Amino acid sequence: MQGQGHAQPVQRPPHDAVLVLLRVVFVAMGLFSVGFLAWVMMLRLATVTRRSADYGLLVAVAAADILSIVLLATEPGDDVHTVGGYLGITLLFGALLATVVYYLAADVRHFQRQREAYAAQHAARGYGYPQPSSPFTAVTTPMGAQPPHTPPPHAVPPVTRPPHSQPPIPAPPQRPAPARIEQVRAELDELSDYLRKHDGTGEGGR
C-alpha cells in the first residue's frame, strides 16, 4: 500500500523589483514590435503559470499575429486601402492590446497567490512542524552501546498514623448506699436525744 505523497513546497517568489522589470521588458517588446511579438508575453506567462489555458491563449495570439501578417502582406502597395489590410491592422492591434492587459493582470495575480502561499507555508512550518535539530547540539550514541539505565524510583509505602487516643471519660460519682444513709440518720437522732436530755438536766438543777 503506497502512502500519500507530500505536497511540493512553494518556492519563494522573486522580488517585486525583478517582477516589475520583467513586465516592462516583455510589454515593451510587444509595443515596439507593433504587435508582431505580442506572443512573447504569452510565452512568458505560460511558462510561469504552467496552465493549459495560458498555453491555449499563446497559440491563439501567435495565430492572430501570423494571420495579420498574411493579410498585410497581401495588401498591394505600401498603403492600406483594402478590407483585408484593415482587417489585418485591426487584428494586430486588437491582439496586442488584449495580450498586454491579460498578461499584466494574470502575472500580478499569479505572483500574489504564490506570495500568500509561501507566507502560509512558512508560518505553518514555524508553528506546526518540529524544527530540525542543530548538528552541534545533537547527541550521538555509539553503535551497540546501550543508554544508561535509570532505575525507577522505589515506591514509598504510605505511613499510617495511629488513631488519637481519647481521654478517659470520668465515671459519675456513685451515690452512697441507702444503709449508710440510715446509719447517719440514726446517729443524728441519738445525738439529738442526747442534747435534748442534756438540756433537760441542766434546767432541773437550776
C-alpha atoms as a PDB file:
ATOM      1  CA  MET A   1       0.000   0.000   0.000  1.00  0.00           C
ATOM      2  CA  GLN A   2       1.559   3.231  -1.100  1.00  0.00           C
ATOM      3  CA  GLY A   3       1.452   6.271   1.149  1.00  0.00           C
ATOM      4  CA  GLN A   4       0.208   9.634   0.073  1.00  0.00           C
ATOM      5  CA  GLY A   5       2.864  11.940  -1.348  1.00  0.00           C
ATOM      6  CA  HIS A   6       3.757  15.172   0.318  1.00  0.00           C
ATOM      7  CA  ALA A   7       2.782  18.452  -1.302  1.00  0.00           C
ATOM      8  CA  GLN A   8       5.517  20.209  -3.188  1.00  0.00           C
ATOM      9  CA  PRO A   9       6.958  23.157  -1.251  1.00  0.00           C
ATOM     10  CA  VAL A  10       6.085  26.562  -2.636  1.00  0.00           C
ATOM     11  CA  GLN A  11       9.107  28.402  -3.956  1.00  0.00           C
ATOM     12  CA  ARG A  12       9.805  31.910  -2.796  1.00  0.00           C
ATOM     13  CA  PRO A  13       8.604  34.429  -5.405  1.00  0.00           C
ATOM     14  CA  PRO A  14      11.117  36.851  -6.931  1.00  0.00           C
ATOM     15  CA  HIS A  15      11.482  40.362  -5.604  1.00  0.00           C
ATOM     16  CA  ASP A  16       8.913  42.921  -6.693  1.00  0.00           C
ATOM     17  CA  ALA A  17      11.563  44.989  -8.463  1.00  0.00           C
ATOM     18  CA  VAL A  18      12.572  41.983 -10.596  1.00  0.00           C
ATOM     19  CA  LEU A  19       8.950  41.245 -11.499  1.00  0.00           C
ATOM     20  CA  VAL A  20       8.275  44.853 -12.481  1.00  0.00           C
ATOM     21  CA  LEU A  21      11.405  44.921 -14.643  1.00  0.00           C
ATOM     22  CA  LEU A  22      10.391  41.719 -16.454  1.00  0.00           C
ATOM     23  CA  ARG A  23       6.891  43.045 -17.104  1.00  0.00           C
ATOM     24  CA  VAL A  24       8.248  46.273 -18.541  1.00  0.00           C
ATOM     25  CA  VAL A  25      10.658  44.381 -20.807  1.00  0.00           C
ATOM     26  CA  PHE A  26       8.058  41.983 -22.248  1.00  0.00           C
ATOM     27  CA  VAL A  27       5.415  44.676 -22.719  1.00  0.00           C
ATOM     28  CA  ALA A  28       7.988  46.901 -24.422  1.00  0.00           C
ATOM     29  CA  MET A  29       8.872  44.054 -26.802  1.00  0.00           C
ATOM     30  CA  GLY A  30       5.246  43.790 -27.881  1.00  0.00           C
ATOM     31  CA  LEU A  31       4.770  47.544 -28.239  1.00  0.00           C
ATOM     32  CA  PHE A  32       7.971  48.326 -30.104  1.00  0.00           C
ATOM     33  CA  SER A  33       7.356  45.445 -32.497  1.00  0.00           C
ATOM     34  CA  VAL A  34       3.917  46.942 -33.253  1.00  0.00           C
ATOM     35  CA  GLY A  35       2.250  43.746 -32.041  1.00  0.00           C
ATOM     36  CA  PHE A  36       4.264  41.252 -34.073  1.00  0.00           C
ATOM     37  CA  LEU A  37       5.962  39.980 -30.869  1.00  0.00           C
ATOM     38  CA  ALA A  38       2.883  40.016 -28.647  1.00  0.00           C
ATOM     39  CA  TRP A  39       3.062  36.236 -28.404  1.00  0.00           C
ATOM     40  CA  VAL A  40       6.307  36.593 -26.399  1.00  0.00           C
ATOM     41  CA  MET A  41       4.312  37.948 -23.427  1.00  0.00           C
ATOM     42  CA  MET A  42       2.009  34.936 -23.534  1.00  0.00           C
ATOM     43  CA  LEU A  43       5.003  32.615 -23.789  1.00  0.00           C
ATOM     44  CA  ARG A  44       6.453  34.173 -20.645  1.00  0.00           C
ATOM     45  CA  LEU A  45       3.101  33.884 -18.834  1.00  0.00           C
ATOM     46  CA  ALA A  46       2.517  30.261 -19.884  1.00  0.00           C
ATOM     47  CA  THR A  47       5.978  29.168 -18.715  1.00  0.00           C
ATOM     48  CA  VAL A  48       5.382  30.851 -15.341  1.00  0.00           C
ATOM     49  CA  THR A  49       1.840  29.666 -14.580  1.00  0.00           C
ATOM     50  CA  ARG A  50       2.023  26.333 -16.479  1.00  0.00           C
ATOM     51  CA  ARG A  51      -1.724  26.495 -17.097  1.00  0.00           C
ATOM     52  CA  SER A  52      -3.279  24.864 -20.128  1.00  0.00           C
ATOM     53  CA  ALA A  53      -5.474  27.939 -20.653  1.00  0.00           C
ATOM     54  CA  ASP A  54      -2.419  30.170 -20.972  1.00  0.00           C
ATOM     55  CA  TYR A  55      -0.836  27.768 -23.462  1.00  0.00           C
ATOM     56  CA  GLY A  56      -4.051  27.900 -25.464  1.00  0.00           C
ATOM     57  CA  LEU A  57      -4.013  31.715 -25.442  1.00  0.00           C
ATOM     58  CA  LEU A  58      -0.371  31.607 -26.554  1.00  0.00           C
ATOM     59  CA  VAL A  59      -1.377  29.597 -29.596  1.00  0.00           C
ATOM     60  CA  ALA A  60      -4.302  31.960 -30.280  1.00  0.00           C
ATOM     61  CA  VAL A  61      -2.134  35.096 -30.082  1.00  0.00           C
ATOM     62  CA  ALA A  62       0.524  33.531 -32.289  1.00  0.00           C
ATOM     63  CA  ALA A  63      -2.142  32.572 -34.835  1.00  0.00           C
ATOM     64  CA  ALA A  64      -3.595  36.111 -34.766  1.00  0.00           C
ATOM     65  CA  ASP A  65      -0.140  37.599 -35.397  1.00  0.00           C
ATOM     66  CA  ILE A  66       0.500  35.230 -38.277  1.00  0.00           C
ATOM     67  CA  LEU A  67      -2.922  35.942 -39.809  1.00  0.00           C
ATOM     68  CA  SER A  68      -2.437  39.700 -39.537  1.00  0.00           C
ATOM     69  CA  ILE A  69       0.971  39.419 -41.223  1.00  0.00           C
ATOM     70  CA  VAL A  70      -0.553  37.405 -44.054  1.00  0.00           C
ATOM     71  CA  LEU A  71      -3.365  39.945 -44.552  1.00  0.00           C
ATOM     72  CA  LEU A  72      -0.930  42.862 -44.578  1.00  0.00           C
ATOM     73  CA  ALA A  73       1.428  41.037 -46.917  1.00  0.00           C
ATOM     74  CA  THR A  74      -1.330  40.538 -49.486  1.00  0.00           C
ATOM     75  CA  GLU A  75      -2.078  44.265 -49.497  1.00  0.00           C
ATOM     76  CA  PRO A  76      -0.970  45.732 -52.855  1.00  0.00           C
ATOM     77  CA  GLY A  77       1.265  48.757 -52.489  1.00  0.00           C
ATOM     78  CA  ASP A  78       2.606  50.415 -49.398  1.00  0.00           C
ATOM     79  CA  ASP A  79      -0.682  51.934 -48.228  1.00  0.00           C
ATOM     80  CA  VAL A  80      -3.554  50.018 -46.684  1.00  0.00           C
ATOM     81  CA  HIS A  81      -6.722  50.575 -48.646  1.00  0.00           C
ATOM     82  CA  THR A  82      -8.458  47.185 -48.797  1.00  0.00           C
ATOM     83  CA  VAL A  83     -10.690  45.310 -46.408  1.00  0.00           C
ATOM     84  CA  GLY A  84      -8.034  42.660 -45.856  1.00  0.00           C
ATOM     85  CA  GLY A  85      -5.452  45.264 -44.931  1.00  0.00           C
ATOM     86  CA  TYR A  86      -7.759  46.988 -42.462  1.00  0.00           C
ATOM     87  CA  LEU A  87      -8.723  43.633 -41.001  1.00  0.00           C
ATOM     88  CA  GLY A  88      -5.056  42.729 -40.553  1.00  0.00           C
ATOM     89  CA  ILE A  89      -4.283  46.006 -38.767  1.00  0.00           C
ATOM     90  CA  THR A  90      -7.336  45.662 -36.528  1.00  0.00           C
ATOM     91  CA  LEU A  91      -6.446  42.083 -35.668  1.00  0.00           C
ATOM     92  CA  LEU A  92      -2.823  43.014 -34.972  1.00  0.00           C
ATOM     93  CA  PHE A  93      -3.511  45.935 -32.642  1.00  0.00           C
ATOM     94  CA  GLY A  94      -6.503  44.253 -31.024  1.00  0.00           C
ATOM     95  CA  ALA A  95      -4.431  41.191 -30.173  1.00  0.00           C
ATOM     96  CA  LEU A  96      -1.649  43.437 -28.863  1.00  0.00           C
ATOM     97  CA  LEU A  97      -3.967  45.388 -26.553  1.00  0.00           C
ATOM     98  CA  ALA A  98      -5.734  42.289 -25.234  1.00  0.00           C
ATOM     99  CA  THR A  99      -2.422  40.496 -24.695  1.00  0.00           C
ATOM    100  CA  VAL A 100      -0.893  43.378 -22.715  1.00  0.00           C
ATOM    101  CA  VAL A 101      -3.932  43.699 -20.428  1.00  0.00           C
ATOM    102  CA  TYR A 102      -4.263  39.961 -19.844  1.00  0.00           C
ATOM    103  CA  TYR A 103      -0.525  39.426 -19.356  1.00  0.00           C
ATOM    104  CA  LEU A 104      -0.190  42.116 -16.694  1.00  0.00           C
ATOM    105  CA  ALA A 105      -3.335  41.063 -14.806  1.00  0.00           C
ATOM    106  CA  ALA A 106      -2.533  37.333 -14.867  1.00  0.00           C
ATOM    107  CA  ASP A 107       1.125  37.824 -13.967  1.00  0.00           C
ATOM    108  CA  VAL A 108       0.307  40.041 -10.976  1.00  0.00           C
ATOM    109  CA  ARG A 109      -2.408  37.644  -9.766  1.00  0.00           C
ATOM    110  CA  HIS A 110      -0.154  34.605 -10.097  1.00  0.00           C
ATOM    111  CA  PHE A 111       2.720  36.005  -8.076  1.00  0.00           C
ATOM    112  CA  GLN A 112       0.355  37.461  -5.483  1.00  0.00           C
ATOM    113  CA  ARG A 113      -1.086  33.984  -4.850  1.00  0.00           C
ATOM    114  CA  GLN A 114       2.391  32.486  -4.801  1.00  0.00           C
ATOM    115  CA  ARG A 115       3.493  35.048  -2.209  1.00  0.00           C
ATOM    116  CA  GLU A 116       0.467  34.270   0.004  1.00  0.00           C
ATOM    117  CA  ALA A 117       1.031  30.516  -0.300  1.00  0.00           C
ATOM    118  CA  TYR A 118       4.707  30.916   0.572  1.00  0.00           C
ATOM    119  CA  ALA A 119       3.858  33.011   3.647  1.00  0.00           C
ATOM    120  CA  ALA A 120       1.279  30.443   4.796  1.00  0.00           C
ATOM    121  CA  GLN A 121       3.761  27.598   4.287  1.00  0.00           C
ATOM    122  CA  HIS A 122       6.448  29.477   6.224  1.00  0.00           C
ATOM    123  CA  ALA A 123       4.038  30.148   9.090  1.00  0.00           C
ATOM    124  CA  ALA A 124       2.887  26.513   9.192  1.00  0.00           C
ATOM    125  CA  ARG A 125       6.487  25.303   9.204  1.00  0.00           C
ATOM    126  CA  GLY A 126       7.329  27.650  12.073  1.00  0.00           C
ATOM    127  CA  TYR A 127       4.357  26.715  14.292  1.00  0.00           C
ATOM    128  CA  GLY A 128       3.061  23.327  13.245  1.00  0.00           C
ATOM    129  CA  TYR A 129       6.140  21.308  12.345  1.00  0.00           C
ATOM    130  CA  PRO A 130       9.184  20.478  14.502  1.00  0.00           C
ATOM    131  CA  GLN A 131      12.309  22.404  13.674  1.00  0.00           C
ATOM    132  CA  PRO A 132      15.376  20.388  12.593  1.00  0.00           C
ATOM    133  CA  SER A 133      17.832  19.928  15.404  1.00  0.00           C
ATOM    134  CA  SER A 134      21.201  21.575  15.193  1.00  0.00           C
ATOM    135  CA  PRO A 135      24.117  19.239  14.353  1.00  0.00           C
ATOM    136  CA  PHE A 136      26.180  20.888  17.075  1.00  0.00           C
ATOM    137  CA  THR A 137      23.686  20.078  19.827  1.00  0.00           C
ATOM    138  CA  ALA A 138      22.750  16.575  18.705  1.00  0.00           C
ATOM    139  CA  VAL A 139      23.975  13.760  20.945  1.00  0.00           C
ATOM    140  CA  THR A 140      25.206  10.688  19.098  1.00  0.00           C
ATOM    141  CA  THR A 141      25.212   7.207  20.644  1.00  0.00           C
ATOM    142  CA  PRO A 142      27.881   4.707  19.509  1.00  0.00           C
ATOM    143  CA  MET A 143      26.724   1.586  17.723  1.00  0.00           C
ATOM    144  CA  GLY A 144      25.943  -1.220  20.130  1.00  0.00           C
ATOM    145  CA  ALA A 145      26.141   0.995  23.201  1.00  0.00           C
ATOM    146  CA  GLN A 146      23.162   0.900  25.468  1.00  0.00           C
ATOM    147  CA  PRO A 147      21.955   4.109  27.066  1.00  0.00           C
ATOM    148  CA  PRO A 148      22.406   4.252  30.841  1.00  0.00           C
ATOM    149  CA  HIS A 149      19.560   2.576  32.658  1.00  0.00           C
ATOM    150  CA  THR A 150      17.907   4.675  35.278  1.00  0.00           C
ATOM    151  CA  PRO A 151      16.170   2.507  37.877  1.00  0.00           C
ATOM    152  CA  PRO A 152      12.633   3.519  38.636  1.00  0.00           C
ATOM    153  CA  PRO A 153      12.143   5.199  41.993  1.00  0.00           C
ATOM    154  CA  HIS A 154      11.085   2.865  44.802  1.00  0.00           C
ATOM    155  CA  ALA A 155       7.567   3.254  45.916  1.00  0.00           C
ATOM    156  CA  VAL A 156       7.401   4.506  49.482  1.00  0.00           C
ATOM    157  CA  PRO A 157       4.629   2.771  51.450  1.00  0.00           C
ATOM    158  CA  PRO A 158       2.174   5.153  52.981  1.00  0.00           C
ATOM    159  CA  VAL A 159       2.749   5.890  56.641  1.00  0.00           C
ATOM    160  CA  THR A 160      -0.288   5.108  58.763  1.00  0.00           C
ATOM    161  CA  ARG A 161      -0.666   7.177  61.847  1.00  0.00           C
ATOM    162  CA  PRO A 162      -2.181   5.572  64.976  1.00  0.00           C
ATOM    163  CA  PRO A 163      -5.563   6.903  65.884  1.00  0.00           C
ATOM    164  CA  HIS A 164      -5.590   9.579  68.552  1.00  0.00           C
ATOM    165  CA  SER A 165      -6.341   8.095  71.972  1.00  0.00           C
ATOM    166  CA  GLN A 166      -9.405   9.611  73.502  1.00  0.00           C
ATOM    167  CA  PRO A 167      -9.011  10.771  77.124  1.00  0.00           C
ATOM    168  CA  PRO A 168     -10.851   8.501  79.578  1.00  0.00           C
ATOM    169  CA  ILE A 169     -14.262   9.760  80.493  1.00  0.00           C
ATOM    170  CA  PRO A 170     -14.558  10.042  84.316  1.00  0.00           C
ATOM    171  CA  ALA A 171     -17.215   7.855  85.804  1.00  0.00           C
ATOM    172  CA  PRO A 172     -20.059   9.678  87.508  1.00  0.00           C
ATOM    173  CA  PRO A 173     -19.764   9.727  91.321  1.00  0.00           C
ATOM    174  CA  GLN A 174     -21.520   6.880  92.929  1.00  0.00           C
ATOM    175  CA  ARG A 175     -24.312   7.704  95.271  1.00  0.00           C
ATOM    176  CA  PRO A 176     -23.919   6.427  98.861  1.00  0.00           C
ATOM    177  CA  ALA A 177     -25.667   3.282  99.676  1.00  0.00           C
ATOM    178  CA  PRO A 178     -29.027   3.517 101.494  1.00  0.00           C
ATOM    179  CA  ALA A 179     -27.627   1.635 104.529  1.00  0.00           C
ATOM    180  CA  ARG A 180     -25.038   4.344 105.068  1.00  0.00           C
ATOM    181  CA  ILE A 181     -27.734   6.989 104.957  1.00  0.00           C
ATOM    182  CA  GLU A 182     -29.789   5.127 107.557  1.00  0.00           C
ATOM    183  CA  GLN A 183     -26.772   4.816 109.851  1.00  0.00           C
ATOM    184  CA  VAL A 184     -26.000   8.517 109.646  1.00  0.00           C
ATOM    185  CA  ARG A 185     -29.634   9.326 110.300  1.00  0.00           C
ATOM    186  CA  ALA A 186     -29.685   7.050 113.392  1.00  0.00           C
ATOM    187  CA  GLU A 187     -26.545   8.697 114.750  1.00  0.00           C
ATOM    188  CA  LEU A 188     -28.082  12.125 114.261  1.00  0.00           C
ATOM    189  CA  ASP A 189     -31.205  11.013 116.121  1.00  0.00           C
ATOM    190  CA  GLU A 190     -29.142   9.723 119.045  1.00  0.00           C
ATOM    191  CA  LEU A 191     -27.164  12.958 119.142  1.00  0.00           C
ATOM    192  CA  SER A 192     -30.402  14.927 119.131  1.00  0.00           C
ATOM    193  CA  ASP A 193     -31.804  12.830 122.020  1.00  0.00           C
ATOM    194  CA  TYR A 194     -28.597  13.275 123.961  1.00  0.00           C
ATOM    195  CA  LEU A 195     -28.643  17.025 123.535  1.00  0.00           C
ATOM    196  CA  ARG A 196     -32.276  17.171 124.455  1.00  0.00           C
ATOM    197  CA  LYS A 197     -31.662  15.155 127.683  1.00  0.00           C
ATOM    198  CA  HIS A 198     -28.655  17.246 128.469  1.00  0.00           C
ATOM    199  CA  ASP A 199     -30.662  20.426 128.129  1.00  0.00           C
ATOM    200  CA  GLY A 200     -33.415  18.997 130.418  1.00  0.00           C
ATOM    201  CA  THR A 201     -30.971  18.042 133.119  1.00  0.00           C
ATOM    202  CA  GLY A 202     -29.396  21.439 133.199  1.00  0.00           C
ATOM    203  CA  GLU A 203     -32.716  23.235 133.620  1.00  0.00           C
ATOM    204  CA  GLY A 204     -33.805  20.906 136.501  1.00  0.00           C
ATOM    205  CA  GLY A 205     -30.678  21.623 138.501  1.00  0.00           C
ATOM    206  CA  ARG A 206     -31.362  25.335 138.431  1.00  0.00           C
END
